[in-house]
N, C-alpha and C. Protein backbone atom coordinates (compact mmCIF):
# COMPACT_ATOMS: atom_id res chain seq x y z
N MET A 1 -10.82 22.00 -36.24
CA MET A 1 -12.09 22.57 -36.60
C MET A 1 -13.15 22.28 -35.54
N ARG A 2 -13.07 21.14 -34.91
CA ARG A 2 -14.05 20.74 -33.92
C ARG A 2 -14.08 21.71 -32.74
N GLY A 3 -12.92 22.22 -32.32
CA GLY A 3 -12.87 23.18 -31.23
C GLY A 3 -13.59 24.46 -31.57
N VAL A 4 -13.49 24.90 -32.81
CA VAL A 4 -14.17 26.12 -33.26
C VAL A 4 -15.68 25.90 -33.23
N GLU A 5 -16.14 24.74 -33.68
CA GLU A 5 -17.57 24.42 -33.66
C GLU A 5 -18.08 24.40 -32.23
N SER A 6 -17.31 23.84 -31.35
CA SER A 6 -17.71 23.77 -29.94
C SER A 6 -17.84 25.16 -29.34
N MET A 7 -16.89 26.04 -29.67
CA MET A 7 -16.96 27.41 -29.16
C MET A 7 -18.18 28.14 -29.71
N THR A 8 -18.53 27.89 -30.98
CA THR A 8 -19.69 28.52 -31.58
C THR A 8 -20.97 28.06 -30.88
N VAL A 9 -21.07 26.77 -30.62
CA VAL A 9 -22.24 26.23 -29.92
C VAL A 9 -22.31 26.82 -28.52
N GLN A 10 -21.18 26.89 -27.83
CA GLN A 10 -21.17 27.48 -26.48
C GLN A 10 -21.60 28.93 -26.52
N THR A 11 -21.12 29.68 -27.49
CA THR A 11 -21.49 31.09 -27.61
C THR A 11 -22.99 31.21 -27.88
N GLN A 12 -23.51 30.37 -28.76
CA GLN A 12 -24.94 30.39 -29.04
C GLN A 12 -25.76 30.06 -27.80
N THR A 13 -25.30 29.08 -27.03
CA THR A 13 -26.01 28.69 -25.81
C THR A 13 -26.01 29.84 -24.81
N VAL A 14 -24.88 30.47 -24.62
CA VAL A 14 -24.79 31.61 -23.70
C VAL A 14 -25.73 32.72 -24.17
N ASP A 15 -25.72 33.01 -25.46
CA ASP A 15 -26.61 34.05 -26.00
C ASP A 15 -28.08 33.71 -25.75
N ARG A 16 -28.44 32.47 -25.96
CA ARG A 16 -29.83 32.04 -25.73
C ARG A 16 -30.22 32.14 -24.26
N LEU A 17 -29.31 31.72 -23.39
CA LEU A 17 -29.59 31.81 -21.95
C LEU A 17 -29.72 33.27 -21.52
N GLN A 18 -28.89 34.13 -22.07
CA GLN A 18 -28.98 35.55 -21.74
C GLN A 18 -30.30 36.14 -22.23
N SER A 19 -30.77 35.71 -23.39
CA SER A 19 -32.06 36.17 -23.90
C SER A 19 -33.19 35.76 -22.97
N LEU A 20 -33.17 34.51 -22.52
CA LEU A 20 -34.18 34.05 -21.57
C LEU A 20 -34.12 34.83 -20.26
N LEU A 21 -32.92 35.06 -19.79
CA LEU A 21 -32.74 35.81 -18.56
C LEU A 21 -33.32 37.22 -18.69
N GLU A 22 -33.05 37.85 -19.81
CA GLU A 22 -33.59 39.20 -20.05
C GLU A 22 -35.11 39.17 -20.08
N LEU A 23 -35.70 38.16 -20.74
CA LEU A 23 -37.15 38.03 -20.76
C LEU A 23 -37.71 37.87 -19.35
N TYR A 24 -37.10 37.01 -18.57
CA TYR A 24 -37.57 36.76 -17.20
C TYR A 24 -37.41 37.99 -16.32
N ARG A 25 -36.32 38.69 -16.48
CA ARG A 25 -36.13 39.92 -15.71
C ARG A 25 -37.16 40.98 -16.09
N GLY A 26 -37.66 40.89 -17.31
CA GLY A 26 -38.69 41.84 -17.77
C GLY A 26 -40.10 41.41 -17.41
N GLY A 27 -40.24 40.29 -16.71
CA GLY A 27 -41.56 39.86 -16.25
C GLY A 27 -42.14 38.67 -16.97
N TYR A 28 -41.51 38.21 -18.01
CA TYR A 28 -42.01 37.04 -18.76
C TYR A 28 -41.96 35.81 -17.86
N ARG A 29 -42.99 34.96 -17.99
CA ARG A 29 -43.01 33.69 -17.26
C ARG A 29 -43.53 32.59 -18.17
N SER A 30 -42.98 31.38 -18.02
CA SER A 30 -43.41 30.24 -18.80
C SER A 30 -43.23 28.97 -17.99
N GLN A 31 -44.31 28.24 -17.81
CA GLN A 31 -44.23 26.98 -17.08
C GLN A 31 -43.33 25.98 -17.82
N VAL A 32 -43.38 25.99 -19.14
CA VAL A 32 -42.54 25.08 -19.94
C VAL A 32 -41.06 25.39 -19.71
N VAL A 33 -40.69 26.67 -19.76
CA VAL A 33 -39.30 27.05 -19.53
C VAL A 33 -38.90 26.70 -18.09
N ASP A 34 -39.78 27.00 -17.13
CA ASP A 34 -39.48 26.70 -15.73
C ASP A 34 -39.19 25.21 -15.53
N GLN A 35 -40.07 24.36 -16.09
CA GLN A 35 -39.90 22.91 -15.94
C GLN A 35 -38.65 22.42 -16.67
N THR A 36 -38.41 22.96 -17.85
CA THR A 36 -37.25 22.55 -18.64
C THR A 36 -35.95 22.92 -17.93
N VAL A 37 -35.88 24.13 -17.43
CA VAL A 37 -34.68 24.58 -16.71
C VAL A 37 -34.49 23.73 -15.46
N GLY A 38 -35.57 23.46 -14.75
CA GLY A 38 -35.48 22.61 -13.56
C GLY A 38 -34.94 21.22 -13.89
N LYS A 39 -35.42 20.65 -14.97
CA LYS A 39 -34.95 19.31 -15.38
C LYS A 39 -33.49 19.35 -15.81
N LEU A 40 -33.11 20.39 -16.53
CA LEU A 40 -31.71 20.52 -16.95
C LEU A 40 -30.78 20.63 -15.74
N ILE A 41 -31.18 21.42 -14.79
CA ILE A 41 -30.35 21.57 -13.59
C ILE A 41 -30.27 20.26 -12.82
N SER A 42 -31.40 19.57 -12.69
CA SER A 42 -31.40 18.27 -12.01
C SER A 42 -30.47 17.28 -12.71
N LEU A 43 -30.50 17.27 -14.03
CA LEU A 43 -29.63 16.38 -14.80
C LEU A 43 -28.17 16.74 -14.57
N GLU A 44 -27.84 18.02 -14.61
CA GLU A 44 -26.45 18.47 -14.38
C GLU A 44 -26.00 18.12 -12.97
N VAL A 45 -26.89 18.27 -11.99
CA VAL A 45 -26.54 17.92 -10.61
C VAL A 45 -26.24 16.43 -10.51
N SER A 46 -27.10 15.61 -11.11
CA SER A 46 -26.89 14.15 -11.08
C SER A 46 -25.58 13.76 -11.74
N GLN A 47 -25.29 14.33 -12.90
CA GLN A 47 -24.06 14.01 -13.60
C GLN A 47 -22.84 14.49 -12.82
N SER A 48 -22.94 15.66 -12.22
CA SER A 48 -21.82 16.19 -11.43
C SER A 48 -21.59 15.33 -10.19
N GLN A 49 -22.66 14.89 -9.55
CA GLN A 49 -22.50 14.02 -8.38
C GLN A 49 -21.85 12.70 -8.76
N ALA A 50 -22.22 12.15 -9.91
CA ALA A 50 -21.61 10.91 -10.38
C ALA A 50 -20.12 11.12 -10.68
N GLU A 51 -19.78 12.27 -11.28
CA GLU A 51 -18.37 12.58 -11.53
C GLU A 51 -17.61 12.70 -10.21
N LEU A 52 -18.22 13.35 -9.22
CA LEU A 52 -17.57 13.48 -7.91
C LEU A 52 -17.31 12.12 -7.30
N GLU A 53 -18.25 11.22 -7.40
CA GLU A 53 -18.08 9.87 -6.85
C GLU A 53 -16.92 9.14 -7.52
N ARG A 54 -16.83 9.25 -8.85
CA ARG A 54 -15.74 8.59 -9.57
C ARG A 54 -14.38 9.20 -9.17
N LEU A 55 -14.35 10.52 -9.06
CA LEU A 55 -13.11 11.17 -8.65
C LEU A 55 -12.76 10.85 -7.21
N ALA A 56 -13.76 10.79 -6.34
CA ALA A 56 -13.51 10.46 -4.94
C ALA A 56 -12.86 9.09 -4.82
N ALA A 57 -13.31 8.13 -5.63
CA ALA A 57 -12.72 6.79 -5.62
C ALA A 57 -11.25 6.85 -6.04
N ARG A 58 -10.96 7.65 -7.06
CA ARG A 58 -9.56 7.79 -7.49
C ARG A 58 -8.72 8.45 -6.42
N LEU A 59 -9.26 9.50 -5.80
CA LEU A 59 -8.53 10.19 -4.73
C LEU A 59 -8.28 9.25 -3.56
N GLN A 60 -9.26 8.43 -3.22
CA GLN A 60 -9.09 7.48 -2.11
C GLN A 60 -7.99 6.48 -2.41
N GLY A 61 -7.85 6.10 -3.67
CA GLY A 61 -6.76 5.20 -4.05
C GLY A 61 -5.40 5.82 -3.77
N TYR A 62 -5.24 7.08 -4.15
CA TYR A 62 -3.99 7.78 -3.86
C TYR A 62 -3.79 7.96 -2.36
N GLU A 63 -4.86 8.29 -1.65
CA GLU A 63 -4.76 8.48 -0.20
C GLU A 63 -4.29 7.21 0.49
N LYS A 64 -4.85 6.09 0.07
CA LYS A 64 -4.44 4.80 0.65
C LYS A 64 -3.00 4.48 0.29
N GLN A 65 -2.64 4.71 -0.95
CA GLN A 65 -1.28 4.40 -1.42
C GLN A 65 -0.23 5.25 -0.70
N TYR A 66 -0.51 6.52 -0.47
CA TYR A 66 0.49 7.43 0.08
C TYR A 66 0.25 7.81 1.54
N GLY A 67 -0.81 7.29 2.15
CA GLY A 67 -1.03 7.48 3.58
C GLY A 67 -1.29 8.91 4.01
N MET A 68 -1.97 9.69 3.18
CA MET A 68 -2.36 11.05 3.58
C MET A 68 -3.64 11.43 2.85
N THR A 69 -4.36 12.38 3.43
CA THR A 69 -5.58 12.83 2.79
C THR A 69 -5.25 13.64 1.54
N SER A 70 -6.20 13.77 0.68
CA SER A 70 -6.00 14.57 -0.52
C SER A 70 -5.80 16.05 -0.17
N ASP A 71 -6.48 16.53 0.86
CA ASP A 71 -6.29 17.92 1.29
C ASP A 71 -4.86 18.16 1.76
N GLU A 72 -4.36 17.23 2.59
CA GLU A 72 -2.98 17.36 3.07
C GLU A 72 -2.00 17.27 1.90
N PHE A 73 -2.22 16.27 1.03
CA PHE A 73 -1.36 16.14 -0.14
C PHE A 73 -1.35 17.42 -0.96
N TYR A 74 -2.52 17.96 -1.25
CA TYR A 74 -2.64 19.12 -2.12
C TYR A 74 -1.90 20.32 -1.53
N ARG A 75 -2.08 20.52 -0.24
CA ARG A 75 -1.39 21.62 0.44
C ARG A 75 0.12 21.45 0.33
N ARG A 76 0.59 20.24 0.63
CA ARG A 76 2.03 19.98 0.59
C ARG A 76 2.59 20.02 -0.83
N PHE A 77 1.84 19.50 -1.78
CA PHE A 77 2.28 19.51 -3.18
C PHE A 77 2.39 20.94 -3.68
N ARG A 78 1.41 21.76 -3.39
CA ARG A 78 1.42 23.16 -3.81
C ARG A 78 2.54 23.95 -3.14
N ALA A 79 2.91 23.52 -1.94
CA ALA A 79 4.00 24.19 -1.22
C ALA A 79 5.37 23.72 -1.71
N GLY A 80 5.39 22.73 -2.61
CA GLY A 80 6.65 22.24 -3.15
C GLY A 80 7.37 21.25 -2.26
N GLU A 81 6.65 20.66 -1.30
CA GLU A 81 7.27 19.74 -0.35
C GLU A 81 7.39 18.31 -0.85
N LEU A 82 6.72 17.97 -1.95
CA LEU A 82 6.65 16.56 -2.34
C LEU A 82 7.34 16.21 -3.65
N GLY A 83 7.81 17.16 -4.37
CA GLY A 83 8.43 16.85 -5.66
C GLY A 83 7.39 16.81 -6.76
N ASP A 84 7.81 16.30 -7.92
CA ASP A 84 6.92 16.31 -9.08
C ASP A 84 6.79 14.95 -9.75
N ALA A 85 6.74 13.90 -8.93
CA ALA A 85 6.52 12.55 -9.47
C ALA A 85 5.20 12.53 -10.25
N MET A 86 5.12 11.70 -11.27
CA MET A 86 3.93 11.65 -12.12
C MET A 86 2.66 11.36 -11.31
N ASP A 87 2.74 10.46 -10.33
CA ASP A 87 1.58 10.19 -9.48
C ASP A 87 1.10 11.46 -8.78
N TYR A 88 2.03 12.26 -8.31
CA TYR A 88 1.67 13.49 -7.62
C TYR A 88 1.02 14.49 -8.57
N VAL A 89 1.55 14.58 -9.76
CA VAL A 89 0.96 15.49 -10.75
C VAL A 89 -0.47 15.05 -11.06
N GLU A 90 -0.66 13.75 -11.30
CA GLU A 90 -2.00 13.23 -11.58
C GLU A 90 -2.94 13.46 -10.39
N TRP A 91 -2.46 13.16 -9.19
CA TRP A 91 -3.26 13.35 -7.98
C TRP A 91 -3.68 14.81 -7.87
N SER A 92 -2.76 15.71 -8.13
CA SER A 92 -3.05 17.14 -8.09
C SER A 92 -4.13 17.52 -9.10
N ILE A 93 -4.04 16.95 -10.29
CA ILE A 93 -5.05 17.23 -11.32
C ILE A 93 -6.41 16.72 -10.88
N PHE A 94 -6.45 15.53 -10.30
CA PHE A 94 -7.73 14.99 -9.82
C PHE A 94 -8.29 15.86 -8.69
N CYS A 95 -7.42 16.38 -7.83
CA CYS A 95 -7.87 17.30 -6.77
C CYS A 95 -8.47 18.56 -7.38
N ASP A 96 -7.81 19.11 -8.40
CA ASP A 96 -8.33 20.30 -9.08
C ASP A 96 -9.69 20.01 -9.72
N MET A 97 -9.80 18.86 -10.35
CA MET A 97 -11.06 18.49 -10.99
C MET A 97 -12.17 18.34 -9.95
N TYR A 98 -11.84 17.70 -8.83
CA TYR A 98 -12.82 17.49 -7.76
C TYR A 98 -13.32 18.84 -7.24
N ARG A 99 -12.41 19.75 -7.00
CA ARG A 99 -12.78 21.07 -6.49
C ARG A 99 -13.62 21.84 -7.51
N ALA A 100 -13.29 21.73 -8.78
CA ALA A 100 -14.06 22.42 -9.82
C ALA A 100 -15.49 21.88 -9.89
N ILE A 101 -15.63 20.58 -9.76
CA ILE A 101 -16.97 19.98 -9.81
C ILE A 101 -17.76 20.35 -8.56
N GLU A 102 -17.10 20.38 -7.40
CA GLU A 102 -17.78 20.84 -6.18
C GLU A 102 -18.30 22.26 -6.36
N LYS A 103 -17.48 23.11 -6.94
CA LYS A 103 -17.87 24.50 -7.17
C LYS A 103 -19.07 24.56 -8.13
N ARG A 104 -19.02 23.75 -9.19
CA ARG A 104 -20.14 23.68 -10.12
C ARG A 104 -21.41 23.25 -9.41
N LEU A 105 -21.32 22.21 -8.59
CA LEU A 105 -22.48 21.74 -7.85
C LEU A 105 -23.04 22.82 -6.93
N ASN A 106 -22.16 23.52 -6.24
CA ASN A 106 -22.62 24.60 -5.37
C ASN A 106 -23.38 25.65 -6.16
N SER A 107 -22.91 25.98 -7.34
CA SER A 107 -23.59 26.96 -8.18
C SER A 107 -24.94 26.43 -8.65
N LEU A 108 -24.99 25.17 -9.02
CA LEU A 108 -26.23 24.58 -9.51
C LEU A 108 -27.29 24.46 -8.42
N MET A 109 -26.86 24.32 -7.18
CA MET A 109 -27.80 24.04 -6.09
C MET A 109 -28.20 25.30 -5.32
N LYS A 110 -27.87 26.46 -5.82
CA LYS A 110 -28.27 27.71 -5.17
C LYS A 110 -29.76 27.90 -5.23
């Protein structure tokens, strides 16, 4: 049930953001909305940067253990050169997470 509630909240949030976007595209302006959106984005940027730092530390642990960069590992793992040991699967997941957060940060900082 919790997943359904989460999807409903997400849908409501998207609908609300779209409503604000439509208002702004139509010429509406609000200092309160501007400041609130700015603060929300700043908070998301800070949290995303903290997540990146935590993931970077985990990636560095794997890099040290296996003597290769995460980029090299990811390329080789995706090419099927390294097998499917649990460490490699986890490392791959952390690489995917790191890239997703980088992408999120790039979007937030436009």
